[in-house]
Amino acid sequence: MGSVFLPWLTQSAVTSLHITFSVNQRSAMACLILLLKAGKLTEVLAPVCGKSVMEVCIFFLCAMIPLPGIAASVHQVKAFLNHSAYLSCYFPNSQKIDVKDLIVFWQKGSQKVLHEVYYGQEKHENLSPEYINRTKVDKDKWILQLLNAGIEDEGHYECIVQHKKKGPPEVIHKSECSLHITANYSQPEIEQLHTEELKPNGYLNLSCSSTGGYPEPQEMTWLISRENTTHRRTPHMDVSQDAVTKLYNITSKLNIPVPTNSLTNISCLLRLREQLGSLVSATLVIEIQEKEMEEVKTNFFVPLIAVAVLVTLLLGFVIVKKNRNILSTNQSVSLAV
């Protein structure tokens, strides 16, 4: 919380007024929006303050400017699954305040406390059970190391610094961060879903899979390259998540006519989210040359030709035999006459 002294907020019975406001920008913005929407409220504030509604709004705009040492932005932090996550407090301690005069603690949400340094000493009474013996702190740089970070550790964290003065401790610094966990997917692998030999005019059925990753990827794309031209296909991607580990398994299927007459390279590309890049499979090479097609045609027509020749020979044999029988009959008739 911060305090601003406004000497112009006066009346005959009031010489000064302290307005306390939240230093969080979002809260200040929400207050401003509510103020602008509440017409009756602005009508009341203006006469009381002796100023115009515009000046009242300007005050709330000024309240949105963060005080020195108070962090307003949310820092994005990434960590690999089962590795350490580093949550910095971004506390410069420009005033060189002794650690014995500070209370520093990290919390997730508003209830779970990860680590607390109470006037220079580690304090464990307020820690949430899931974070006990899982944190280490660098008191010089005020960076908290969260050990063995898991997917359940994803979320919003705050670091709060309080300074002990004459009165109760006062918040002098606050920072926020959002933790994102990443698990590497396996390299995508292409598998042929049929075992028979590839033939022209047939179909090529392929499957591409990648396992054990996090978070859920954006898409899986097939790259089909032939004759210096690459075609992209993005069929439906099947996604399944393990109930225990929360890791994802990805599968995509492709069904295309068997490519012929040219060299064809097929690969699949897994696009990850949050600027994590992409993973590509090994290339599957399909090459059915014209010679192979001619061999296929030859293998098909040779038996057919053989059958035709055999039928022709049999037919010729039958005709010749029939002619011989006719000739023999005619000779027998001539001798009888």
C-alpha atoms as a PDB file:
ATOM      1  CA  MET A   1       0.000   0.000   0.000  1.00  0.00           C
ATOM      2  CA  GLY A   2       1.158   3.560  -0.673  1.00  0.00           C
ATOM      3  CA  SER A   3       0.144   6.911   0.786  1.00  0.00           C
ATOM      4  CA  VAL A   4      -0.240  10.183  -1.167  1.00  0.00           C
ATOM      5  CA  PHE A   5      -0.684  13.578   0.448  1.00  0.00           C
ATOM      6  CA  LEU A   6      -3.071  15.882  -1.452  1.00  0.00           C
ATOM      7  CA  PRO A   7      -3.030  19.453  -0.065  1.00  0.00           C
ATOM      8  CA  TRP A   8      -5.747  20.603  -2.459  1.00  0.00           C
ATOM      9  CA  LEU A   9      -8.340  18.257  -0.915  1.00  0.00           C
ATOM     10  CA  THR A  10      -9.430  20.823   1.710  1.00  0.00           C
ATOM     11  CA  GLN A  11     -12.550  22.199   3.316  1.00  0.00           C
ATOM     12  CA  SER A  12     -13.131  24.603   6.167  1.00  0.00           C
ATOM     13  CA  ALA A  13     -13.229  21.732   8.615  1.00  0.00           C
ATOM     14  CA  VAL A  14     -10.540  19.641   6.924  1.00  0.00           C
ATOM     15  CA  THR A  15      -6.998  20.875   6.281  1.00  0.00           C
ATOM     16  CA  SER A  16      -5.523  17.765   4.713  1.00  0.00           C
ATOM     17  CA  LEU A  17      -6.480  14.263   3.691  1.00  0.00           C
ATOM     18  CA  HIS A  18      -4.391  11.164   3.088  1.00  0.00           C
ATOM     19  CA  ILE A  19      -5.725   8.855   0.398  1.00  0.00           C
ATOM     20  CA  THR A  20      -4.408   5.329   0.532  1.00  0.00           C
ATOM     21  CA  PHE A  21      -4.454   3.316  -2.630  1.00  0.00           C
ATOM     22  CA  SER A  22      -3.169   0.034  -3.992  1.00  0.00           C
ATOM     23  CA  VAL A  23       0.063   0.290  -5.921  1.00  0.00           C
ATOM     24  CA  ASN A  24      -1.027  -2.489  -8.199  1.00  0.00           C
ATOM     25  CA  GLN A  25      -1.732  -0.996 -11.614  1.00  0.00           C
ATOM     26  CA  ARG A  26      -4.647  -3.278 -12.334  1.00  0.00           C
ATOM     27  CA  SER A  27      -6.368  -2.274  -9.110  1.00  0.00           C
ATOM     28  CA  ALA A  28      -5.847   1.402  -9.885  1.00  0.00           C
ATOM     29  CA  MET A  29      -7.225   0.928 -13.375  1.00  0.00           C
ATOM     30  CA  ALA A  30     -10.248  -0.866 -11.961  1.00  0.00           C
ATOM     31  CA  CYS A  31     -10.796   2.018  -9.546  1.00  0.00           C
ATOM     32  CA  LEU A  32     -10.597   4.510 -12.387  1.00  0.00           C
ATOM     33  CA  ILE A  33     -13.092   2.584 -14.510  1.00  0.00           C
ATOM     34  CA  LEU A  34     -15.496   2.331 -11.603  1.00  0.00           C
ATOM     35  CA  LEU A  35     -15.081   6.046 -10.965  1.00  0.00           C
ATOM     36  CA  LEU A  36     -15.831   6.980 -14.563  1.00  0.00           C
ATOM     37  CA  LYS A  37     -18.863   4.678 -14.678  1.00  0.00           C
ATOM     38  CA  ALA A  38     -20.279   5.922 -11.414  1.00  0.00           C
ATOM     39  CA  GLY A  39     -21.595   9.328 -12.455  1.00  0.00           C
ATOM     40  CA  LYS A  40     -23.197  10.029  -9.115  1.00  0.00           C
ATOM     41  CA  LEU A  41     -19.912   9.344  -7.336  1.00  0.00           C
ATOM     42  CA  THR A  42     -18.030  11.840  -9.485  1.00  0.00           C
ATOM     43  CA  GLU A  43     -20.733  14.410  -8.883  1.00  0.00           C
ATOM     44  CA  VAL A  44     -20.187  13.948  -5.156  1.00  0.00           C
ATOM     45  CA  LEU A  45     -16.381  13.962  -5.251  1.00  0.00           C
ATOM     46  CA  ALA A  46     -16.032  17.125  -7.285  1.00  0.00           C
ATOM     47  CA  PRO A  47     -17.790  19.487  -4.856  1.00  0.00           C
ATOM     48  CA  VAL A  48     -16.176  17.848  -1.839  1.00  0.00           C
ATOM     49  CA  CYS A  49     -12.691  18.196  -3.259  1.00  0.00           C
ATOM     50  CA  GLY A  50     -13.317  21.660  -4.607  1.00  0.00           C
ATOM     51  CA  LYS A  51     -11.994  20.454  -7.957  1.00  0.00           C
ATOM     52  CA  SER A  52     -13.432  19.302 -11.265  1.00  0.00           C
ATOM     53  CA  VAL A  53     -14.228  15.719 -12.107  1.00  0.00           C
ATOM     54  CA  MET A  54     -11.362  15.814 -14.606  1.00  0.00           C
ATOM     55  CA  GLU A  55      -8.864  16.622 -11.848  1.00  0.00           C
ATOM     56  CA  VAL A  56     -10.204  13.757  -9.751  1.00  0.00           C
ATOM     57  CA  CYS A  57      -9.654  11.408 -12.694  1.00  0.00           C
ATOM     58  CA  ILE A  58      -6.143  12.788 -13.187  1.00  0.00           C
ATOM     59  CA  PHE A  59      -5.367  11.863  -9.603  1.00  0.00           C
ATOM     60  CA  PHE A  60      -6.367   8.240 -10.208  1.00  0.00           C
ATOM     61  CA  LEU A  61      -4.275   8.196 -13.369  1.00  0.00           C
ATOM     62  CA  CYS A  62      -1.308   9.317 -11.312  1.00  0.00           C
ATOM     63  CA  ALA A  63      -2.075   6.563  -8.820  1.00  0.00           C
ATOM     64  CA  MET A  64      -1.426   4.057 -11.590  1.00  0.00           C
ATOM     65  CA  ILE A  65       2.235   5.055 -11.730  1.00  0.00           C
ATOM     66  CA  PRO A  66       4.097   2.512  -9.548  1.00  0.00           C
ATOM     67  CA  LEU A  67       6.036   3.823  -6.617  1.00  0.00           C
ATOM     68  CA  PRO A  68       9.839   3.428  -6.596  1.00  0.00           C
ATOM     69  CA  GLY A  69      10.799  -0.147  -5.700  1.00  0.00           C
ATOM     70  CA  ILE A  70       7.340  -1.557  -6.410  1.00  0.00           C
ATOM     71  CA  ALA A  71       7.272  -3.880  -9.440  1.00  0.00           C
ATOM     72  CA  ALA A  72       4.073  -3.693 -11.497  1.00  0.00           C
ATOM     73  CA  SER A  73       4.821  -6.053 -14.392  1.00  0.00           C
ATOM     74  CA  VAL A  74       4.552  -9.840 -14.266  1.00  0.00           C
ATOM     75  CA  HIS A  75       7.815 -11.591 -15.136  1.00  0.00           C
ATOM     76  CA  GLN A  76       7.570 -14.758 -17.232  1.00  0.00           C
ATOM     77  CA  VAL A  77       9.711 -17.629 -15.909  1.00  0.00           C
ATOM     78  CA  LYS A  78      10.288 -20.937 -17.712  1.00  0.00           C
ATOM     79  CA  ALA A  79      11.722 -24.117 -16.220  1.00  0.00           C
ATOM     80  CA  PHE A  80      12.228 -27.677 -17.445  1.00  0.00           C
ATOM     81  CA  LEU A  81      10.248 -30.450 -15.813  1.00  0.00           C
ATOM     82  CA  ASN A  82      12.034 -31.952 -12.765  1.00  0.00           C
ATOM     83  CA  HIS A  83      14.698 -29.209 -12.890  1.00  0.00           C
ATOM     84  CA  SER A  84      15.074 -26.102 -10.734  1.00  0.00           C
ATOM     85  CA  ALA A  85      12.987 -22.974 -11.281  1.00  0.00           C
ATOM     86  CA  TYR A  86      14.511 -19.627 -10.314  1.00  0.00           C
ATOM     87  CA  LEU A  87      12.085 -17.031  -8.966  1.00  0.00           C
ATOM     88  CA  SER A  88      13.811 -13.692  -8.622  1.00  0.00           C
ATOM     89  CA  CYS A  89      12.531 -11.054  -6.265  1.00  0.00           C
ATOM     90  CA  TYR A  90      14.075  -8.277  -8.420  1.00  0.00           C
ATOM     91  CA  PHE A  91      14.918  -6.447  -5.208  1.00  0.00           C
ATOM     92  CA  PRO A  92      17.901  -4.107  -5.778  1.00  0.00           C
ATOM     93  CA  ASN A  93      18.104  -2.983  -2.124  1.00  0.00           C
ATOM     94  CA  SER A  94      19.501   0.326  -3.258  1.00  0.00           C
ATOM     95  CA  GLN A  95      19.253   1.655   0.301  1.00  0.00           C
ATOM     96  CA  LYS A  96      21.538  -1.137   1.556  1.00  0.00           C
ATOM     97  CA  ILE A  97      19.073  -2.172   4.235  1.00  0.00           C
ATOM     98  CA  ASP A  98      20.427  -4.794   6.604  1.00  0.00           C
ATOM     99  CA  VAL A  99      18.839  -8.217   6.091  1.00  0.00           C
ATOM    100  CA  LYS A 100      18.108  -8.264   9.833  1.00  0.00           C
ATOM    101  CA  ASP A 101      15.631  -5.447   9.248  1.00  0.00           C
ATOM    102  CA  LEU A 102      13.787  -7.217   6.423  1.00  0.00           C
ATOM    103  CA  ILE A 103      11.025  -9.760   6.080  1.00  0.00           C
ATOM    104  CA  VAL A 104      11.180 -11.439   2.669  1.00  0.00           C
ATOM    105  CA  PHE A 105       8.826 -14.193   1.554  1.00  0.00           C
ATOM    106  CA  TRP A 106       7.612 -15.861  -1.634  1.00  0.00           C
ATOM    107  CA  GLN A 107       4.054 -17.068  -2.005  1.00  0.00           C
ATOM    108  CA  LYS A 108       1.913 -18.776  -4.647  1.00  0.00           C
ATOM    109  CA  GLY A 109      -1.476 -17.185  -4.932  1.00  0.00           C
ATOM    110  CA  SER A 110      -2.562 -15.749  -1.622  1.00  0.00           C
ATOM    111  CA  GLN A 111      -2.266 -18.758   0.688  1.00  0.00           C
ATOM    112  CA  LYS A 112       0.722 -20.971  -0.155  1.00  0.00           C
ATOM    113  CA  VAL A 113       4.060 -19.778   1.251  1.00  0.00           C
ATOM    114  CA  LEU A 114       7.186 -21.209  -0.393  1.00  0.00           C
ATOM    115  CA  HIS A 115       9.965 -19.578   1.622  1.00  0.00           C
ATOM    116  CA  GLU A 116      10.346 -16.937   4.310  1.00  0.00           C
ATOM    117  CA  VAL A 117      13.370 -15.020   5.573  1.00  0.00           C
ATOM    118  CA  TYR A 118      12.320 -13.393   8.844  1.00  0.00           C
ATOM    119  CA  TYR A 119      14.757 -10.703   9.952  1.00  0.00           C
ATOM    120  CA  GLY A 120      17.682 -12.616   8.493  1.00  0.00           C
ATOM    121  CA  GLN A 121      16.624 -16.072   9.690  1.00  0.00           C
ATOM    122  CA  GLU A 122      14.933 -18.904   7.764  1.00  0.00           C
ATOM    123  CA  LYS A 123      11.409 -19.375   9.096  1.00  0.00           C
ATOM    124  CA  HIS A 124       9.518 -22.604   8.405  1.00  0.00           C
ATOM    125  CA  GLU A 125       6.353 -22.336  10.470  1.00  0.00           C
ATOM    126  CA  ASN A 126       4.266 -20.746   7.720  1.00  0.00           C
ATOM    127  CA  LEU A 127       5.464 -22.866   4.779  1.00  0.00           C
ATOM    128  CA  SER A 128       3.013 -24.936   2.760  1.00  0.00           C
ATOM    129  CA  PRO A 129       3.754 -28.676   3.088  1.00  0.00           C
ATOM    130  CA  GLU A 130       4.453 -29.221  -0.639  1.00  0.00           C
ATOM    131  CA  TYR A 131       7.343 -26.720  -0.538  1.00  0.00           C
ATOM    132  CA  ILE A 132       9.147 -27.922   2.584  1.00  0.00           C
ATOM    133  CA  ASN A 133      12.792 -28.815   1.779  1.00  0.00           C
ATOM    134  CA  ARG A 134      12.269 -27.790  -1.851  1.00  0.00           C
ATOM    135  CA  THR A 135      13.577 -24.214  -1.762  1.00  0.00           C
ATOM    136  CA  LYS A 136      16.894 -22.408  -1.431  1.00  0.00           C
ATOM    137  CA  VAL A 137      17.462 -18.666  -1.386  1.00  0.00           C
ATOM    138  CA  ASP A 138      20.383 -16.458  -2.399  1.00  0.00           C
ATOM    139  CA  LYS A 139      20.172 -13.580   0.097  1.00  0.00           C
ATOM    140  CA  ASP A 140      22.585 -11.432  -1.894  1.00  0.00           C
ATOM    141  CA  LYS A 141      20.557 -11.503  -5.112  1.00  0.00           C
ATOM    142  CA  TRP A 142      17.236 -12.508  -3.526  1.00  0.00           C
ATOM    143  CA  ILE A 143      16.614 -15.349  -5.966  1.00  0.00           C
ATOM    144  CA  LEU A 144      14.582 -18.329  -4.810  1.00  0.00           C
ATOM    145  CA  GLN A 145      15.496 -21.749  -6.224  1.00  0.00           C
ATOM    146  CA  LEU A 146      12.520 -24.101  -6.426  1.00  0.00           C
ATOM    147  CA  LEU A 147      13.849 -27.665  -6.650  1.00  0.00           C
ATOM    148  CA  ASN A 148      12.358 -30.429  -8.798  1.00  0.00           C
ATOM    149  CA  ALA A 149       9.731 -28.210 -10.394  1.00  0.00           C
ATOM    150  CA  GLY A 150       6.654 -30.100 -11.571  1.00  0.00           C
ATOM    151  CA  ILE A 151       3.676 -29.259 -13.718  1.00  0.00           C
ATOM    152  CA  GLU A 152       1.613 -28.705 -10.564  1.00  0.00           C
ATOM    153  CA  ASP A 153       4.013 -25.851  -9.696  1.00  0.00           C
ATOM    154  CA  GLU A 154       2.877 -23.789 -12.656  1.00  0.00           C
ATOM    155  CA  GLY A 155       1.132 -20.596 -11.631  1.00  0.00           C
ATOM    156  CA  HIS A 156       1.423 -17.054 -10.298  1.00  0.00           C
ATOM    157  CA  TYR A 157       4.008 -16.170  -7.638  1.00  0.00           C
ATOM    158  CA  GLU A 158       4.764 -13.072  -5.590  1.00  0.00           C
ATOM    159  CA  CYS A 159       7.829 -11.923  -3.686  1.00  0.00           C
ATOM    160  CA  ILE A 160       7.128  -9.416  -0.933  1.00  0.00           C
ATOM    161  CA  VAL A 161       9.737  -7.422   1.007  1.00  0.00           C
ATOM    162  CA  GLN A 162       8.849  -5.683   4.263  1.00  0.00           C
ATOM    163  CA  HIS A 163      11.058  -3.231   6.153  1.00  0.00           C
ATOM    164  CA  LYS A 164      11.010  -2.993   9.922  1.00  0.00           C
ATOM    165  CA  LYS A 165      10.910   0.598  11.098  1.00  0.00           C
ATOM    166  CA  LYS A 166       9.666   2.225  14.283  1.00  0.00           C
ATOM    167  CA  GLY A 167       6.116   1.085  13.651  1.00  0.00           C
ATOM    168  CA  PRO A 168       4.832  -2.120  12.040  1.00  0.00           C
ATOM    169  CA  PRO A 169       6.736  -3.541   9.025  1.00  0.00           C
ATOM    170  CA  GLU A 170       6.068  -1.678   5.786  1.00  0.00           C
ATOM    171  CA  VAL A 171       5.990  -3.216   2.301  1.00  0.00           C
ATOM    172  CA  ILE A 172       8.810  -1.606   0.321  1.00  0.00           C
ATOM    173  CA  HIS A 173       9.023  -4.004  -2.615  1.00  0.00           C
ATOM    174  CA  LYS A 174       6.789  -6.444  -4.427  1.00  0.00           C
ATOM    175  CA  SER A 175       7.348  -8.463  -7.598  1.00  0.00           C
ATOM    176  CA  GLU A 176       5.213 -10.944  -9.516  1.00  0.00           C
ATOM    177  CA  CYS A 177       6.116 -13.776 -11.850  1.00  0.00           C
ATOM    178  CA  SER A 178       4.334 -16.501 -13.758  1.00  0.00           C
ATOM    179  CA  LEU A 179       6.007 -19.914 -13.847  1.00  0.00           C
ATOM    180  CA  HIS A 180       5.695 -22.104 -16.954  1.00  0.00           C
ATOM    181  CA  ILE A 181       6.942 -25.706 -17.014  1.00  0.00           C
ATOM    182  CA  THR A 182       8.330 -27.297 -20.180  1.00  0.00           C
ATOM    183  CA  ALA A 183       8.958 -30.974 -20.943  1.00  0.00           C
ATOM    184  CA  ASN A 184      10.752 -31.976 -24.135  1.00  0.00           C
ATOM    185  CA  TYR A 185       8.793 -34.014 -26.662  1.00  0.00           C
ATOM    186  CA  SER A 186      10.455 -36.994 -28.288  1.00  0.00           C
ATOM    187  CA  GLN A 187      11.577 -36.570 -31.883  1.00  0.00           C
ATOM    188  CA  PRO A 188       8.581 -37.267 -34.125  1.00  0.00           C
ATOM    189  CA  GLU A 189       8.701 -40.691 -35.798  1.00  0.00           C
ATOM    190  CA  ILE A 190       6.974 -41.747 -39.021  1.00  0.00           C
ATOM    191  CA  GLU A 191       5.527 -45.238 -39.281  1.00  0.00           C
ATOM    192  CA  GLN A 192       3.953 -46.957 -42.286  1.00  0.00           C
ATOM    193  CA  LEU A 193       0.584 -48.423 -41.358  1.00  0.00           C
ATOM    194  CA  HIS A 194       0.615 -51.086 -44.100  1.00  0.00           C
ATOM    195  CA  THR A 195       3.031 -53.927 -44.696  1.00  0.00           C
ATOM    196  CA  GLU A 196       2.315 -54.787 -48.312  1.00  0.00           C
ATOM    197  CA  GLU A 197       4.577 -53.609 -51.115  1.00  0.00           C
ATOM    198  CA  LEU A 198       3.878 -50.134 -52.470  1.00  0.00           C
ATOM    199  CA  LYS A 199       2.240 -50.237 -55.877  1.00  0.00           C
ATOM    200  CA  PRO A 200       1.239 -47.540 -58.364  1.00  0.00           C
ATOM    201  CA  ASN A 201      -2.357 -46.341 -58.053  1.00  0.00           C
ATOM    202  CA  GLY A 202      -2.302 -47.470 -54.420  1.00  0.00           C
ATOM    203  CA  TYR A 203      -2.379 -45.410 -51.221  1.00  0.00           C
ATOM    204  CA  LEU A 204       0.328 -44.566 -48.695  1.00  0.00           C
ATOM    205  CA  ASN A 205      -0.884 -44.682 -45.076  1.00  0.00           C
ATOM    206  CA  LEU A 206       1.456 -43.027 -42.574  1.00  0.00           C
ATOM    207  CA  SER A 207       1.411 -42.143 -38.889  1.00  0.00           C
ATOM    208  CA  CYS A 208       3.639 -39.630 -37.052  1.00  0.00           C
ATOM    209  CA  SER A 209       3.952 -39.676 -33.257  1.00  0.00           C
ATOM    210  CA  SER A 210       5.705 -37.727 -30.496  1.00  0.00           C
ATOM    211  CA  THR A 211       5.424 -38.450 -26.770  1.00  0.00           C
ATOM    212  CA  GLY A 212       6.135 -37.191 -23.258  1.00  0.00           C
ATOM    213  CA  GLY A 213       5.969 -33.420 -23.770  1.00  0.00           C
ATOM    214  CA  TYR A 214       4.455 -30.358 -22.133  1.00  0.00           C
ATOM    215  CA  PRO A 215       2.660 -28.031 -22.736  1.00  0.00           C
ATOM    216  CA  GLU A 216       0.248 -29.136 -25.452  1.00  0.00           C
ATOM    217  CA  PRO A 217       1.758 -28.330 -28.877  1.00  0.00           C
ATOM    218  CA  GLN A 218       0.234 -26.046 -31.456  1.00  0.00           C
ATOM    219  CA  GLU A 219      -0.021 -28.406 -34.422  1.00  0.00           C
ATOM    220  CA  MET A 220       1.626 -31.205 -36.385  1.00  0.00           C
ATOM    221  CA  THR A 221       2.255 -30.559 -40.086  1.00  0.00           C
ATOM    222  CA  TRP A 222       3.247 -32.979 -42.848  1.00  0.00           C
ATOM    223  CA  LEU A 223       5.820 -31.814 -45.405  1.00  0.00           C
ATOM    224  CA  ILE A 224       5.676 -33.564 -48.797  1.00  0.00           C
ATOM    225  CA  SER A 225       8.521 -32.525 -51.107  1.00  0.00           C
ATOM    226  CA  ARG A 226       8.940 -33.554 -54.743  1.00  0.00           C
ATOM    227  CA  GLU A 227      10.487 -31.859 -57.778  1.00  0.00           C
ATOM    228  CA  ASN A 228      11.628 -28.816 -55.754  1.00  0.00           C
ATOM    229  CA  THR A 229       8.095 -28.222 -54.498  1.00  0.00           C
ATOM    230  CA  THR A 230       6.915 -28.713 -50.914  1.00  0.00           C
ATOM    231  CA  HIS A 231       3.279 -29.241 -50.022  1.00  0.00           C
ATOM    232  CA  ARG A 232       2.018 -28.876 -46.458  1.00  0.00           C
ATOM    233  CA  ARG A 233      -0.823 -30.809 -44.909  1.00  0.00           C
ATOM    234  CA  THR A 234      -2.215 -30.346 -41.409  1.00  0.00           C
ATOM    235  CA  PRO A 235      -4.694 -33.145 -40.723  1.00  0.00           C
ATOM    236  CA  HIS A 236      -6.413 -33.675 -37.394  1.00  0.00           C
ATOM    237  CA  MET A 237      -3.960 -34.121 -34.517  1.00  0.00           C
ATOM    238  CA  ASP A 238      -4.865 -36.692 -31.871  1.00  0.00           C
ATOM    239  CA  VAL A 239      -3.856 -35.473 -28.394  1.00  0.00           C
ATOM    240  CA  SER A 240      -3.872 -37.537 -25.201  1.00  0.00           C
ATOM    241  CA  GLN A 241      -2.698 -36.524 -21.722  1.00  0.00           C
ATOM    242  CA  ASP A 242      -1.427 -38.923 -19.093  1.00  0.00           C
ATOM    243  CA  ALA A 243      -3.615 -38.732 -15.991  1.00  0.00           C
ATOM    244  CA  VAL A 244      -0.637 -39.042 -13.627  1.00  0.00           C
ATOM    245  CA  THR A 245       2.294 -37.269 -15.278  1.00  0.00           C
ATOM    246  CA  LYS A 246       0.140 -34.711 -17.162  1.00  0.00           C
ATOM    247  CA  LEU A 247       2.419 -35.141 -20.185  1.00  0.00           C
ATOM    248  CA  TYR A 248       1.024 -35.151 -23.712  1.00  0.00           C
ATOM    249  CA  ASN A 249       1.264 -37.743 -26.505  1.00  0.00           C
ATOM    250  CA  ILE A 250       0.642 -36.581 -30.067  1.00  0.00           C
ATOM    251  CA  THR A 251      -0.314 -38.558 -33.210  1.00  0.00           C
ATOM    252  CA  SER A 252      -1.170 -37.458 -36.742  1.00  0.00           C
ATOM    253  CA  LYS A 253      -2.108 -39.650 -39.720  1.00  0.00           C
ATOM    254  CA  LEU A 254      -1.615 -39.093 -43.448  1.00  0.00           C
ATOM    255  CA  ASN A 255      -3.257 -40.917 -46.359  1.00  0.00           C
ATOM    256  CA  ILE A 256      -2.046 -39.984 -49.876  1.00  0.00           C
ATOM    257  CA  PRO A 257      -1.719 -41.710 -53.273  1.00  0.00           C
ATOM    258  CA  VAL A 258       1.567 -43.546 -53.747  1.00  0.00           C
ATOM    259  CA  PRO A 259       3.936 -41.043 -55.406  1.00  0.00           C
ATOM    260  CA  THR A 260       5.449 -42.282 -58.685  1.00  0.00           C
ATOM    261  CA  ASN A 261       7.874 -41.140 -61.391  1.00  0.00           C
ATOM    262  CA  SER A 262       9.837 -38.884 -59.001  1.00  0.00           C
ATOM    263  CA  LEU A 263      11.734 -38.871 -55.703  1.00  0.00           C
ATOM    264  CA  THR A 264       9.442 -37.880 -52.833  1.00  0.00           C
ATOM    265  CA  ASN A 265      10.549 -36.850 -49.323  1.00  0.00           C
ATOM    266  CA  ILE A 266       8.028 -36.955 -46.510  1.00  0.00           C
ATOM    267  CA  SER A 267       8.524 -35.606 -42.973  1.00  0.00           C
ATOM    268  CA  CYS A 268       6.349 -34.316 -40.145  1.00  0.00           C
ATOM    269  CA  LEU A 269       6.899 -31.124 -38.172  1.00  0.00           C
ATOM    270  CA  LEU A 270       5.697 -30.653 -34.579  1.00  0.00           C
ATOM    271  CA  ARG A 271       5.130 -26.974 -33.765  1.00  0.00           C
ATOM    272  CA  LEU A 272       5.388 -26.189 -30.054  1.00  0.00           C
ATOM    273  CA  ARG A 273       3.800 -23.298 -28.188  1.00  0.00           C
ATOM    274  CA  GLU A 274       5.212 -20.248 -26.412  1.00  0.00           C
ATOM    275  CA  GLN A 275       8.132 -19.774 -28.785  1.00  0.00           C
ATOM    276  CA  LEU A 276       9.590 -23.169 -27.894  1.00  0.00           C
ATOM    277  CA  GLY A 277      10.438 -23.921 -31.521  1.00  0.00           C
ATOM    278  CA  SER A 278       9.682 -27.029 -33.570  1.00  0.00           C
ATOM    279  CA  LEU A 279      10.707 -30.675 -33.845  1.00  0.00           C
ATOM    280  CA  VAL A 280      11.032 -32.486 -37.169  1.00  0.00           C
ATOM    281  CA  SER A 281      11.085 -36.189 -37.924  1.00  0.00           C
ATOM    282  CA  ALA A 282      13.599 -38.108 -39.997  1.00  0.00           C
ATOM    283  CA  THR A 283      12.749 -37.987 -43.697  1.00  0.00           C
ATOM    284  CA  LEU A 284      10.910 -40.874 -45.306  1.00  0.00           C
ATOM    285  CA  VAL A 285      12.071 -41.307 -48.928  1.00  0.00           C
ATOM    286  CA  ILE A 286       9.669 -42.799 -51.475  1.00  0.00           C
ATOM    287  CA  GLU A 287      11.053 -43.541 -54.952  1.00  0.00           C
ATOM    288  CA  ILE A 288       9.276 -45.638 -57.571  1.00  0.00           C
ATOM    289  CA  GLN A 289      11.079 -45.164 -60.900  1.00  0.00           C
ATOM    290  CA  GLU A 290       9.678 -45.775 -64.384  1.00  0.00           C
ATOM    291  CA  LYS A 291      11.747 -48.978 -64.661  1.00  0.00           C
ATOM    292  CA  GLU A 292       9.966 -50.349 -61.617  1.00  0.00           C
ATOM    293  CA  MET A 293       6.641 -49.414 -63.159  1.00  0.00           C
ATOM    294  CA  GLU A 294       7.667 -51.116 -66.407  1.00  0.00           C
ATOM    295  CA  GLU A 295       8.678 -54.176 -64.417  1.00  0.00           C
ATOM    296  CA  VAL A 296       5.309 -54.130 -62.726  1.00  0.00           C
ATOM    297  CA  LYS A 297       3.615 -53.866 -66.113  1.00  0.00           C
ATOM    298  CA  THR A 298       5.866 -56.618 -67.484  1.00  0.00           C
ATOM    299  CA  ASN A 299       5.138 -58.846 -64.527  1.00  0.00           C
ATOM    300  CA  PHE A 300       1.469 -58.294 -65.218  1.00  0.00           C
ATOM    301  CA  PHE A 301       1.491 -58.734 -69.025  1.00  0.00           C
ATOM    302  CA  VAL A 302       4.008 -61.601 -69.402  1.00  0.00           C
ATOM    303  CA  PRO A 303       1.704 -64.235 -67.897  1.00  0.00           C
ATOM    304  CA  LEU A 304      -1.144 -62.815 -69.938  1.00  0.00           C
ATOM    305  CA  ILE A 305       0.886 -63.091 -73.146  1.00  0.00           C
ATOM    306  CA  ALA A 306       1.970 -66.613 -72.263  1.00  0.00           C
ATOM    307  CA  VAL A 307      -1.630 -67.642 -71.793  1.00  0.00           C
ATOM    308  CA  ALA A 308      -2.584 -66.067 -75.106  1.00  0.00           C
ATOM    309  CA  VAL A 309       0.243 -67.891 -76.917  1.00  0.00           C
ATOM    310  CA  LEU A 310      -0.729 -71.154 -75.280  1.00  0.00           C
ATOM    311  CA  VAL A 311      -4.364 -70.695 -76.301  1.00  0.00           C
ATOM    312  CA  THR A 312      -3.273 -69.850 -79.841  1.00  0.00           C
ATOM    313  CA  LEU A 313      -1.102 -72.963 -80.061  1.00  0.00           C
ATOM    314  CA  LEU A 314      -3.891 -75.144 -78.707  1.00  0.00           C
ATOM    315  CA  LEU A 315      -6.347 -73.602 -81.139  1.00  0.00           C
ATOM    316  CA  GLY A 316      -3.886 -74.136 -84.008  1.00  0.00           C
ATOM    317  CA  PHE A 317      -3.349 -77.724 -82.937  1.00  0.00           C
ATOM    318  CA  VAL A 318      -7.103 -78.320 -82.892  1.00  0.00           C
ATOM    319  CA  ILE A 319      -7.531 -76.747 -86.338  1.00  0.00           C
ATOM    320  CA  VAL A 320      -4.663 -78.741 -87.832  1.00  0.00           C
ATOM    321  CA  LYS A 321      -5.998 -81.967 -86.333  1.00  0.00           C
ATOM    322  CA  LYS A 322      -9.449 -81.206 -87.636  1.00  0.00           C
ATOM    323  CA  ASN A 323      -8.107 -80.508 -91.119  1.00  0.00           C
ATOM    324  CA  ARG A 324      -6.175 -83.786 -91.059  1.00  0.00           C
ATOM    325  CA  ASN A 325      -9.333 -85.665 -90.096  1.00  0.00           C
ATOM    326  CA  ILE A 326     -11.244 -84.034 -92.972  1.00  0.00           C
ATOM    327  CA  LEU A 327      -8.442 -84.806 -95.416  1.00  0.00           C
ATOM    328  CA  SER A 328      -8.305 -88.434 -94.244  1.00  0.00           C
ATOM    329  CA  THR A 329     -12.050 -88.778 -94.673  1.00  0.00           C
ATOM    330  CA  ASN A 330     -11.942 -87.389 -98.208  1.00  0.00           C
ATOM    331  CA  GLN A 331      -9.168 -89.818 -99.206  1.00  0.00           C
ATOM    332  CA  SER A 332     -11.182 -92.763 -97.865  1.00  0.00           C
ATOM    333  CA  VAL A 333     -14.203 -91.734 -99.941  1.00  0.00           C
ATOM    334  CA  SER A 334     -12.129 -91.434-103.132  1.00  0.00           C
ATOM    335  CA  LEU A 335     -10.691 -94.948-102.724  1.00  0.00           C
ATOM    336  CA  ALA A 336     -14.140 -96.413-102.231  1.00  0.00           C
ATOM    337  CA  VAL A 337     -15.387 -94.947-105.502  1.00  0.00           C
END
